[in-house]
Amino acid sequence: MNQSILKKRNILPLLLILLLSFASLFLIFTNNEEQPIQDEATAYQQIFIDQIASEAKLLQKQTHLFASITIAQAILESDWGRSDLAIEANNLFGIKGTYNDESSIMPTDEFIDGERITIDDSFKKYGTIQESMVDHIEFLKGGSYDAIETSKNYKEAAIALQNGGYATDPDYAAKLIELIEEFKLNKYDS
């Protein structure tokens, strides 16, 4: 058999393989460009919201604290359930103290005289996220938070939380409102 025919027959499959490889790479790269990294963040954020929304709605029926506020606080305080405190202690709200004689020592940022400092403090440790959410509502039954129950909307409730001293961050209410509006959390309010 002629050697030039053999060379042509051997090259053709090789060319076909190369062509298919380039086409596959092209498809992989163009598909990745269409799906930004943000999609992953959106997915885990929605999973977290879904995980706590039912409990927040149930607690709203019992206490009149807007579910959107509970969800926004959990997002802000626990970094979408990813903070060390949330992972180690199921504490979504940064509530200090002990729960059933259990606590975790963690660093926390505080604002004192307008200055942000980091200190170690004792935080409540819960068996479940639901225990954290129920205890959060119990915590808010204190006198300095009475204005939350009479709030007509999530904005008033966020301001009442800040005025009641829930957090030392001077922008706490604004951050809650921003989260509620960005993720349309008020759709969970009944």
N, C-alpha and C. Protein backbone atom coordinates (compact mmCIF):
# COMPACT_ATOMS: atom_id res chain seq x y z
N MET A 1 0.84 -1.18 0.00
CA MET A 1 0.00 0.00 0.00
C MET A 1 0.89 1.24 0.00
N ASN A 2 0.41 2.23 -0.63
CA ASN A 2 1.15 3.48 -0.76
C ASN A 2 1.28 4.16 0.61
N GLN A 3 2.50 4.61 0.96
CA GLN A 3 2.71 5.23 2.28
C GLN A 3 2.00 6.56 2.40
N SER A 4 1.81 7.29 1.36
CA SER A 4 1.10 8.57 1.44
C SER A 4 -0.37 8.35 1.77
N ILE A 5 -0.95 7.25 1.31
CA ILE A 5 -2.34 6.93 1.65
C ILE A 5 -2.43 6.59 3.13
N LEU A 6 -1.44 5.84 3.64
CA LEU A 6 -1.43 5.49 5.07
C LEU A 6 -1.30 6.74 5.93
N LYS A 7 -0.48 7.65 5.53
CA LYS A 7 -0.30 8.89 6.29
C LYS A 7 -1.60 9.70 6.30
N LYS A 8 -2.28 9.76 5.18
CA LYS A 8 -3.54 10.50 5.11
C LYS A 8 -4.59 9.86 5.99
N ARG A 9 -4.64 8.53 5.99
CA ARG A 9 -5.62 7.82 6.82
C ARG A 9 -5.33 8.02 8.31
N ASN A 10 -4.09 8.10 8.71
CA ASN A 10 -3.72 8.30 10.11
C ASN A 10 -3.94 9.75 10.55
N ILE A 11 -3.79 10.67 9.65
CA ILE A 11 -3.95 12.09 9.98
C ILE A 11 -5.42 12.46 10.14
N LEU A 12 -6.27 11.89 9.33
CA LEU A 12 -7.69 12.22 9.36
C LEU A 12 -8.32 11.99 10.73
N PRO A 13 -8.13 10.81 11.34
CA PRO A 13 -8.70 10.63 12.69
C PRO A 13 -8.10 11.58 13.71
N LEU A 14 -6.81 11.86 13.55
CA LEU A 14 -6.17 12.79 14.46
C LEU A 14 -6.76 14.19 14.33
N LEU A 15 -6.98 14.62 13.11
CA LEU A 15 -7.60 15.93 12.88
C LEU A 15 -9.01 15.98 13.46
N LEU A 16 -9.74 14.90 13.29
CA LEU A 16 -11.10 14.83 13.83
C LEU A 16 -11.08 14.92 15.36
N ILE A 17 -10.17 14.23 15.99
CA ILE A 17 -10.05 14.27 17.45
C ILE A 17 -9.69 15.68 17.92
N LEU A 18 -8.74 16.31 17.24
CA LEU A 18 -8.35 17.67 17.59
C LEU A 18 -9.51 18.65 17.43
N LEU A 19 -10.24 18.52 16.36
CA LEU A 19 -11.37 19.39 16.11
C LEU A 19 -12.44 19.23 17.20
N LEU A 20 -12.74 18.00 17.56
CA LEU A 20 -13.72 17.75 18.62
C LEU A 20 -13.22 18.28 19.97
N SER A 21 -11.94 18.15 20.23
CA SER A 21 -11.37 18.65 21.49
C SER A 21 -11.51 20.17 21.59
N PHE A 22 -11.18 20.86 20.48
CA PHE A 22 -11.32 22.32 20.49
C PHE A 22 -12.78 22.74 20.64
N ALA A 23 -13.67 22.02 20.01
CA ALA A 23 -15.10 22.34 20.12
C ALA A 23 -15.57 22.14 21.55
N SER A 24 -15.12 21.07 22.20
CA SER A 24 -15.49 20.82 23.60
C SER A 24 -14.97 21.91 24.52
N LEU A 25 -13.71 22.29 24.32
CA LEU A 25 -13.14 23.36 25.13
C LEU A 25 -13.88 24.68 24.93
N PHE A 26 -14.23 24.95 23.70
CA PHE A 26 -14.99 26.17 23.40
C PHE A 26 -16.31 26.18 24.16
N LEU A 27 -17.02 25.07 24.15
CA LEU A 27 -18.31 24.98 24.85
C LEU A 27 -18.13 25.13 26.36
N ILE A 28 -17.09 24.51 26.88
CA ILE A 28 -16.85 24.61 28.33
C ILE A 28 -16.60 26.06 28.73
N PHE A 29 -15.72 26.73 28.00
CA PHE A 29 -15.39 28.11 28.35
C PHE A 29 -16.55 29.07 28.14
N THR A 30 -17.31 28.89 27.09
CA THR A 30 -18.44 29.80 26.87
C THR A 30 -19.54 29.56 27.88
N ASN A 31 -19.75 28.34 28.32
CA ASN A 31 -20.76 28.07 29.36
C ASN A 31 -20.34 28.67 30.69
N ASN A 32 -19.06 28.60 31.01
CA ASN A 32 -18.59 29.19 32.26
C ASN A 32 -18.70 30.70 32.25
N GLU A 33 -18.50 31.32 31.10
CA GLU A 33 -18.62 32.77 31.01
C GLU A 33 -20.06 33.22 31.22
N GLU A 34 -21.01 32.40 30.83
CA GLU A 34 -22.41 32.77 30.97
C GLU A 34 -22.91 32.65 32.40
N GLN A 35 -22.24 31.88 33.23
CA GLN A 35 -22.67 31.69 34.61
C GLN A 35 -21.65 32.31 35.54
N PRO A 36 -21.89 33.54 35.98
CA PRO A 36 -20.92 34.21 36.85
C PRO A 36 -20.85 33.55 38.22
N ILE A 37 -19.79 33.85 38.92
CA ILE A 37 -19.59 33.31 40.27
C ILE A 37 -20.76 33.68 41.18
N GLN A 38 -21.41 34.78 40.91
CA GLN A 38 -22.53 35.24 41.73
C GLN A 38 -23.63 34.18 41.86
N ASP A 39 -23.80 33.32 40.82
CA ASP A 39 -24.85 32.30 40.87
C ASP A 39 -24.67 31.39 42.08
N GLU A 40 -23.43 31.02 42.41
CA GLU A 40 -23.20 30.17 43.57
C GLU A 40 -23.59 30.89 44.85
N ALA A 41 -23.25 32.15 44.96
CA ALA A 41 -23.61 32.91 46.16
C ALA A 41 -25.12 32.99 46.29
N THR A 42 -25.79 33.25 45.19
CA THR A 42 -27.24 33.34 45.22
C THR A 42 -27.85 32.02 45.67
N ALA A 43 -27.30 30.92 45.22
CA ALA A 43 -27.82 29.61 45.59
C ALA A 43 -27.71 29.37 47.09
N TYR A 44 -26.52 29.59 47.68
CA TYR A 44 -26.40 29.33 49.11
C TYR A 44 -27.21 30.34 49.93
N GLN A 45 -27.34 31.56 49.43
CA GLN A 45 -28.15 32.54 50.14
C GLN A 45 -29.61 32.11 50.18
N GLN A 46 -30.13 31.64 49.05
CA GLN A 46 -31.52 31.21 49.01
C GLN A 46 -31.75 29.97 49.86
N ILE A 47 -30.77 29.07 49.88
CA ILE A 47 -30.87 27.88 50.73
C ILE A 47 -30.97 28.30 52.19
N PHE A 48 -30.15 29.27 52.60
CA PHE A 48 -30.20 29.72 53.99
C PHE A 48 -31.55 30.37 54.30
N ILE A 49 -32.02 31.23 53.41
CA ILE A 49 -33.32 31.87 53.63
C ILE A 49 -34.41 30.81 53.74
N ASP A 50 -34.41 29.85 52.83
CA ASP A 50 -35.42 28.78 52.87
C ASP A 50 -35.34 27.98 54.16
N GLN A 51 -34.13 27.79 54.66
CA GLN A 51 -33.93 27.00 55.88
C GLN A 51 -34.59 27.66 57.10
N ILE A 52 -34.62 28.99 57.14
CA ILE A 52 -35.13 29.65 58.34
C ILE A 52 -36.46 30.39 58.14
N ALA A 53 -36.92 30.54 56.91
CA ALA A 53 -38.12 31.34 56.63
C ALA A 53 -39.38 30.78 57.28
N SER A 54 -39.57 29.48 57.24
CA SER A 54 -40.79 28.89 57.82
C SER A 54 -40.87 29.16 59.32
N GLU A 55 -39.74 28.97 60.00
CA GLU A 55 -39.70 29.23 61.45
C GLU A 55 -39.91 30.71 61.74
N ALA A 56 -39.33 31.57 60.92
CA ALA A 56 -39.50 33.02 61.11
C ALA A 56 -40.96 33.42 60.92
N LYS A 57 -41.63 32.82 59.95
CA LYS A 57 -43.05 33.13 59.73
C LYS A 57 -43.91 32.62 60.89
N LEU A 58 -43.60 31.44 61.38
CA LEU A 58 -44.33 30.88 62.53
C LEU A 58 -44.13 31.77 63.76
N LEU A 59 -42.91 32.22 63.99
CA LEU A 59 -42.63 33.09 65.13
C LEU A 59 -43.31 34.44 64.97
N GLN A 60 -43.45 34.92 63.75
CA GLN A 60 -44.15 36.19 63.52
C GLN A 60 -45.61 36.07 63.96
N LYS A 61 -46.23 34.95 63.64
CA LYS A 61 -47.64 34.76 64.04
C LYS A 61 -47.79 34.77 65.56
N GLN A 62 -46.77 34.26 66.26
CA GLN A 62 -46.83 34.18 67.71
C GLN A 62 -46.43 35.48 68.40
N THR A 63 -45.58 36.29 67.76
CA THR A 63 -44.99 37.42 68.48
C THR A 63 -45.14 38.78 67.81
N HIS A 64 -45.54 38.83 66.57
CA HIS A 64 -45.66 40.07 65.80
C HIS A 64 -44.33 40.67 65.38
N LEU A 65 -43.22 39.94 65.54
CA LEU A 65 -41.95 40.41 65.01
C LEU A 65 -41.89 39.99 63.55
N PHE A 66 -41.73 40.95 62.67
CA PHE A 66 -41.73 40.67 61.24
C PHE A 66 -40.72 39.58 60.90
N ALA A 67 -41.16 38.60 60.11
CA ALA A 67 -40.28 37.52 59.67
C ALA A 67 -39.08 38.08 58.91
N SER A 68 -39.31 39.15 58.15
CA SER A 68 -38.22 39.75 57.38
C SER A 68 -37.11 40.25 58.31
N ILE A 69 -37.48 40.78 59.45
CA ILE A 69 -36.49 41.26 60.42
C ILE A 69 -35.70 40.09 60.98
N THR A 70 -36.39 39.02 61.36
CA THR A 70 -35.72 37.84 61.89
C THR A 70 -34.73 37.27 60.87
N ILE A 71 -35.18 37.16 59.63
CA ILE A 71 -34.32 36.61 58.58
C ILE A 71 -33.12 37.54 58.33
N ALA A 72 -33.38 38.83 58.23
CA ALA A 72 -32.29 39.79 57.98
C ALA A 72 -31.29 39.78 59.13
N GLN A 73 -31.77 39.71 60.36
CA GLN A 73 -30.84 39.64 61.49
C GLN A 73 -29.99 38.38 61.43
N ALA A 74 -30.62 37.25 61.10
CA ALA A 74 -29.88 36.00 61.01
C ALA A 74 -28.81 36.09 59.92
N ILE A 75 -29.15 36.70 58.80
CA ILE A 75 -28.18 36.87 57.70
C ILE A 75 -27.02 37.74 58.17
N LEU A 76 -27.36 38.88 58.74
CA LEU A 76 -26.33 39.85 59.14
C LEU A 76 -25.46 39.32 60.27
N GLU A 77 -26.08 38.75 61.28
CA GLU A 77 -25.35 38.31 62.47
C GLU A 77 -24.53 37.04 62.23
N SER A 78 -24.98 36.18 61.30
CA SER A 78 -24.31 34.89 61.13
C SER A 78 -23.61 34.73 59.78
N ASP A 79 -23.59 35.80 58.98
CA ASP A 79 -23.01 35.72 57.64
C ASP A 79 -23.61 34.54 56.87
N TRP A 80 -24.93 34.56 56.77
CA TRP A 80 -25.66 33.52 56.03
C TRP A 80 -25.46 32.14 56.64
N GLY A 81 -25.31 32.08 57.97
CA GLY A 81 -25.13 30.80 58.64
C GLY A 81 -23.72 30.24 58.54
N ARG A 82 -22.77 31.05 58.05
CA ARG A 82 -21.41 30.57 57.83
C ARG A 82 -20.42 31.03 58.89
N SER A 83 -20.84 31.86 59.84
CA SER A 83 -19.91 32.34 60.86
C SER A 83 -19.51 31.19 61.78
N ASP A 84 -18.37 31.36 62.44
CA ASP A 84 -17.92 30.34 63.40
C ASP A 84 -18.98 30.12 64.48
N LEU A 85 -19.60 31.20 64.93
CA LEU A 85 -20.61 31.10 65.98
C LEU A 85 -21.83 30.31 65.50
N ALA A 86 -22.26 30.54 64.28
CA ALA A 86 -23.41 29.81 63.73
C ALA A 86 -23.07 28.33 63.55
N ILE A 87 -21.87 28.07 63.07
CA ILE A 87 -21.48 26.68 62.81
C ILE A 87 -21.25 25.92 64.12
N GLU A 88 -20.52 26.54 65.05
CA GLU A 88 -20.17 25.85 66.30
C GLU A 88 -21.31 25.82 67.30
N ALA A 89 -22.12 26.89 67.33
CA ALA A 89 -23.09 27.01 68.42
C ALA A 89 -24.54 27.17 67.93
N ASN A 90 -24.80 27.06 66.62
CA ASN A 90 -26.14 27.28 66.07
C ASN A 90 -26.71 28.63 66.49
N ASN A 91 -25.85 29.57 66.81
CA ASN A 91 -26.27 30.90 67.26
C ASN A 91 -26.28 31.83 66.05
N LEU A 92 -27.49 32.10 65.54
CA LEU A 92 -27.64 32.93 64.35
C LEU A 92 -27.70 34.42 64.66
N PHE A 93 -27.88 34.79 65.91
CA PHE A 93 -28.18 36.18 66.24
C PHE A 93 -27.14 36.86 67.12
N GLY A 94 -26.05 36.19 67.41
CA GLY A 94 -25.00 36.80 68.20
C GLY A 94 -25.44 37.11 69.62
N ILE A 95 -26.34 36.29 70.16
CA ILE A 95 -26.83 36.54 71.52
C ILE A 95 -25.82 36.02 72.53
N LYS A 96 -25.42 36.90 73.43
CA LYS A 96 -24.40 36.58 74.41
C LYS A 96 -25.01 35.89 75.62
N GLY A 97 -24.18 35.17 76.35
CA GLY A 97 -24.61 34.51 77.58
C GLY A 97 -24.52 33.00 77.46
N THR A 98 -25.37 32.30 78.21
CA THR A 98 -25.41 30.84 78.17
C THR A 98 -26.84 30.38 77.89
N TYR A 99 -26.96 29.21 77.30
CA TYR A 99 -28.26 28.59 77.03
C TYR A 99 -28.16 27.16 77.50
N ASN A 100 -29.02 26.77 78.43
CA ASN A 100 -28.94 25.45 79.06
C ASN A 100 -27.52 25.16 79.53
N ASP A 101 -26.92 26.16 80.16
CA ASP A 101 -25.56 26.08 80.70
C ASP A 101 -24.49 25.85 79.63
N GLU A 102 -24.79 26.15 78.38
CA GLU A 102 -23.84 25.98 77.29
C GLU A 102 -23.49 27.34 76.69
N SER A 103 -22.20 27.52 76.39
CA SER A 103 -21.77 28.75 75.74
C SER A 103 -20.51 28.49 74.92
N SER A 104 -20.19 29.44 74.06
CA SER A 104 -18.97 29.41 73.25
C SER A 104 -18.28 30.76 73.39
N ILE A 105 -16.99 30.75 73.59
CA ILE A 105 -16.21 31.99 73.65
C ILE A 105 -15.76 32.30 72.22
N MET A 106 -16.10 33.50 71.76
CA MET A 106 -15.78 33.90 70.40
C MET A 106 -15.35 35.36 70.37
N PRO A 107 -14.52 35.73 69.39
CA PRO A 107 -14.22 37.16 69.21
C PRO A 107 -15.43 37.86 68.60
N THR A 108 -15.62 39.11 68.98
CA THR A 108 -16.74 39.89 68.44
C THR A 108 -16.31 41.34 68.28
N ASP A 109 -16.84 41.97 67.25
CA ASP A 109 -16.58 43.39 67.05
C ASP A 109 -17.65 44.20 67.76
N GLU A 110 -17.20 45.18 68.52
CA GLU A 110 -18.11 46.07 69.23
C GLU A 110 -17.74 47.51 68.90
N PHE A 111 -18.73 48.39 68.96
CA PHE A 111 -18.47 49.82 68.78
C PHE A 111 -18.57 50.48 70.14
N ILE A 112 -17.47 51.04 70.60
CA ILE A 112 -17.44 51.73 71.88
C ILE A 112 -16.92 53.13 71.63
N ASP A 113 -17.73 54.12 72.01
CA ASP A 113 -17.41 55.53 71.76
C ASP A 113 -17.08 55.78 70.28
N GLY A 114 -17.86 55.12 69.40
CA GLY A 114 -17.70 55.31 67.97
C GLY A 114 -16.52 54.57 67.37
N GLU A 115 -15.78 53.84 68.17
CA GLU A 115 -14.62 53.11 67.69
C GLU A 115 -14.91 51.61 67.68
N ARG A 116 -14.52 50.96 66.61
CA ARG A 116 -14.73 49.52 66.48
C ARG A 116 -13.56 48.78 67.12
N ILE A 117 -13.88 47.89 68.07
CA ILE A 117 -12.85 47.08 68.71
C ILE A 117 -13.29 45.62 68.70
N THR A 118 -12.33 44.72 68.84
CA THR A 118 -12.62 43.28 68.89
C THR A 118 -12.33 42.78 70.30
N ILE A 119 -13.31 42.06 70.85
CA ILE A 119 -13.15 41.47 72.18
C ILE A 119 -13.59 40.01 72.12
N ASP A 120 -13.18 39.21 73.10
CA ASP A 120 -13.69 37.85 73.25
C ASP A 120 -14.85 37.90 74.22
N ASP A 121 -15.94 37.20 73.89
CA ASP A 121 -17.11 37.20 74.76
C ASP A 121 -17.77 35.83 74.72
N SER A 122 -18.65 35.59 75.68
CA SER A 122 -19.37 34.33 75.79
C SER A 122 -20.71 34.44 75.08
N PHE A 123 -20.97 33.50 74.17
CA PHE A 123 -22.21 33.49 73.40
C PHE A 123 -22.99 32.21 73.67
N LYS A 124 -24.31 32.33 73.61
CA LYS A 124 -25.16 31.17 73.83
C LYS A 124 -24.90 30.09 72.79
N LYS A 125 -24.91 28.84 73.25
CA LYS A 125 -24.73 27.69 72.37
C LYS A 125 -26.02 26.90 72.37
N TYR A 126 -26.57 26.69 71.16
CA TYR A 126 -27.86 26.02 71.00
C TYR A 126 -27.68 24.64 70.36
N GLY A 127 -28.62 23.76 70.63
CA GLY A 127 -28.61 22.45 70.00
C GLY A 127 -29.05 22.50 68.55
N THR A 128 -29.94 23.45 68.23
CA THR A 128 -30.47 23.56 66.86
C THR A 128 -30.63 25.04 66.49
N ILE A 129 -30.77 25.28 65.20
CA ILE A 129 -31.04 26.63 64.71
C ILE A 129 -32.40 27.10 65.21
N GLN A 130 -33.37 26.20 65.27
CA GLN A 130 -34.70 26.57 65.74
C GLN A 130 -34.66 27.06 67.19
N GLU A 131 -33.85 26.41 68.04
CA GLU A 131 -33.70 26.88 69.42
C GLU A 131 -33.15 28.30 69.43
N SER A 132 -32.22 28.57 68.55
CA SER A 132 -31.64 29.91 68.44
C SER A 132 -32.72 30.93 68.06
N MET A 133 -33.57 30.57 67.12
CA MET A 133 -34.61 31.49 66.66
C MET A 133 -35.66 31.75 67.74
N VAL A 134 -36.06 30.71 68.45
CA VAL A 134 -37.04 30.88 69.53
C VAL A 134 -36.45 31.72 70.66
N ASP A 135 -35.20 31.45 71.02
CA ASP A 135 -34.55 32.21 72.09
C ASP A 135 -34.36 33.67 71.67
N HIS A 136 -34.13 33.92 70.40
CA HIS A 136 -34.02 35.28 69.88
C HIS A 136 -35.31 36.04 70.17
N ILE A 137 -36.44 35.41 69.93
CA ILE A 137 -37.74 36.05 70.19
C ILE A 137 -37.90 36.29 71.70
N GLU A 138 -37.51 35.32 72.51
CA GLU A 138 -37.58 35.49 73.97
C GLU A 138 -36.71 36.66 74.41
N PHE A 139 -35.53 36.75 73.84
CA PHE A 139 -34.60 37.83 74.15
C PHE A 139 -35.23 39.19 73.85
N LEU A 140 -35.99 39.27 72.76
CA LEU A 140 -36.59 40.54 72.35
C LEU A 140 -37.84 40.92 73.15
N LYS A 141 -38.27 40.06 74.04
CA LYS A 141 -39.43 40.39 74.87
C LYS A 141 -39.08 41.35 76.00
N GLY A 142 -37.81 41.70 76.11
CA GLY A 142 -37.39 42.64 77.15
C GLY A 142 -37.96 44.03 76.91
N GLY A 143 -38.03 44.83 77.93
CA GLY A 143 -38.66 46.14 77.88
C GLY A 143 -38.11 47.10 76.85
N SER A 144 -36.81 47.05 76.58
CA SER A 144 -36.23 48.02 75.63
C SER A 144 -36.63 47.73 74.19
N TYR A 145 -37.27 46.60 73.96
CA TYR A 145 -37.67 46.24 72.60
C TYR A 145 -39.18 46.28 72.39
N ASP A 146 -39.92 46.85 73.31
CA ASP A 146 -41.39 46.91 73.18
C ASP A 146 -41.85 47.57 71.89
N ALA A 147 -41.10 48.54 71.40
CA ALA A 147 -41.51 49.26 70.19
C ALA A 147 -41.52 48.36 68.96
N ILE A 148 -40.84 47.24 69.01
CA ILE A 148 -40.84 46.31 67.87
C ILE A 148 -42.24 45.74 67.65
N GLU A 149 -42.92 45.39 68.74
CA GLU A 149 -44.25 44.79 68.62
C GLU A 149 -45.28 45.74 68.06
N THR A 150 -45.09 47.03 68.22
CA THR A 150 -46.06 48.00 67.70
C THR A 150 -45.62 48.60 66.37
N SER A 151 -44.50 48.13 65.84
CA SER A 151 -44.02 48.63 64.54
C SER A 151 -45.01 48.25 63.45
N LYS A 152 -45.22 49.18 62.53
CA LYS A 152 -46.17 48.95 61.45
C LYS A 152 -45.51 48.29 60.23
N ASN A 153 -44.19 48.34 60.15
CA ASN A 153 -43.48 47.74 59.02
C ASN A 153 -42.06 47.39 59.44
N TYR A 154 -41.35 46.73 58.54
CA TYR A 154 -40.00 46.28 58.86
C TYR A 154 -39.03 47.43 59.11
N LYS A 155 -39.26 48.57 58.45
CA LYS A 155 -38.37 49.72 58.66
C LYS A 155 -38.48 50.23 60.09
N GLU A 156 -39.72 50.38 60.57
CA GLU A 156 -39.92 50.82 61.96
C GLU A 156 -39.33 49.80 62.92
N ALA A 157 -39.50 48.51 62.61
CA ALA A 157 -38.99 47.45 63.49
C ALA A 157 -37.46 47.48 63.54
N ALA A 158 -36.82 47.71 62.40
CA ALA A 158 -35.35 47.78 62.37
C ALA A 158 -34.84 48.94 63.21
N ILE A 159 -35.51 50.07 63.10
CA ILE A 159 -35.12 51.25 63.90
C ILE A 159 -35.37 50.99 65.38
N ALA A 160 -36.48 50.32 65.70
CA ALA A 160 -36.78 49.99 67.10
C ALA A 160 -35.72 49.06 67.67
N LEU A 161 -35.24 48.11 66.87
CA LEU A 161 -34.16 47.22 67.33
C LEU A 161 -32.90 48.01 67.67
N GLN A 162 -32.55 48.91 66.77
CA GLN A 162 -31.34 49.71 67.00
C GLN A 162 -31.53 50.62 68.21
N ASN A 163 -32.68 51.28 68.30
CA ASN A 163 -32.93 52.17 69.43
C ASN A 163 -33.00 51.41 70.75
N GLY A 164 -33.41 50.14 70.69
CA GLY A 164 -33.47 49.32 71.89
C GLY A 164 -32.11 48.83 72.35
N GLY A 165 -31.09 49.05 71.52
CA GLY A 165 -29.73 48.67 71.91
C GLY A 165 -29.33 47.27 71.49
N TYR A 166 -30.00 46.70 70.50
CA TYR A 166 -29.67 45.33 70.10
C TYR A 166 -28.22 45.19 69.66
N ALA A 167 -27.73 46.15 68.91
CA ALA A 167 -26.35 46.10 68.42
C ALA A 167 -25.67 47.44 68.66
N THR A 168 -24.36 47.39 68.76
CA THR A 168 -23.62 48.63 68.96
C THR A 168 -23.27 49.31 67.64
N ASP A 169 -23.48 48.64 66.53
CA ASP A 169 -23.20 49.20 65.21
C ASP A 169 -24.18 50.33 64.93
N PRO A 170 -23.70 51.55 64.70
CA PRO A 170 -24.61 52.67 64.47
C PRO A 170 -25.40 52.56 63.16
N ASP A 171 -24.99 51.67 62.26
CA ASP A 171 -25.69 51.48 60.99
C ASP A 171 -26.52 50.20 60.96
N TYR A 172 -26.79 49.63 62.13
CA TYR A 172 -27.46 48.33 62.20
C TYR A 172 -28.82 48.35 61.51
N ALA A 173 -29.66 49.31 61.82
CA ALA A 173 -31.00 49.37 61.21
C ALA A 173 -30.91 49.52 59.70
N ALA A 174 -30.01 50.37 59.23
CA ALA A 174 -29.85 50.57 57.78
C ALA A 174 -29.40 49.28 57.10
N LYS A 175 -28.54 48.52 57.74
CA LYS A 175 -28.07 47.26 57.17
C LYS A 175 -29.20 46.24 57.08
N LEU A 176 -30.04 46.18 58.11
CA LEU A 176 -31.19 45.27 58.07
C LEU A 176 -32.15 45.65 56.95
N ILE A 177 -32.45 46.92 56.86
CA ILE A 177 -33.37 47.40 55.82
C ILE A 177 -32.81 47.10 54.43
N GLU A 178 -31.53 47.32 54.26
CA GLU A 178 -30.89 47.05 52.96
C GLU A 178 -31.00 45.57 52.59
N LEU A 179 -30.75 44.68 53.55
CA LEU A 179 -30.88 43.24 53.29
C LEU A 179 -32.31 42.87 52.92
N ILE A 180 -33.26 43.41 53.67
CA ILE A 180 -34.67 43.10 53.42
C ILE A 180 -35.06 43.54 52.01
N GLU A 181 -34.62 44.71 51.62
CA GLU A 181 -34.99 45.22 50.30
C GLU A 181 -34.23 44.52 49.18
N GLU A 182 -32.95 44.24 49.38
CA GLU A 182 -32.17 43.58 48.34
C GLU A 182 -32.68 42.17 48.04
N PHE A 183 -33.05 41.44 49.09
CA PHE A 183 -33.48 40.04 48.92
C PHE A 183 -35.01 39.89 49.01
N LYS A 184 -35.73 41.02 49.04
CA LYS A 184 -37.20 41.04 49.07
C LYS A 184 -37.74 40.14 50.19
N LEU A 185 -37.12 40.27 51.37
CA LEU A 185 -37.50 39.44 52.51
C LEU A 185 -38.87 39.78 53.07
N ASN A 186 -39.37 40.98 52.74
CA ASN A 186 -40.69 41.35 53.26
C ASN A 186 -41.80 40.47 52.68
N LYS A 187 -41.50 39.69 51.65
CA LYS A 187 -42.51 38.76 51.12
C LYS A 187 -42.83 37.67 52.15
N TYR A 188 -41.97 37.48 53.15
CA TYR A 188 -42.22 36.49 54.20
C TYR A 188 -43.06 37.05 55.34
N ASP A 189 -43.28 38.36 55.34
CA ASP A 189 -44.11 38.97 56.38
C ASP A 189 -45.58 38.66 56.08
N SER A 190 -46.32 38.26 57.12
CA SER A 190 -47.74 37.96 56.86
C SER A 190 -48.65 39.03 57.39
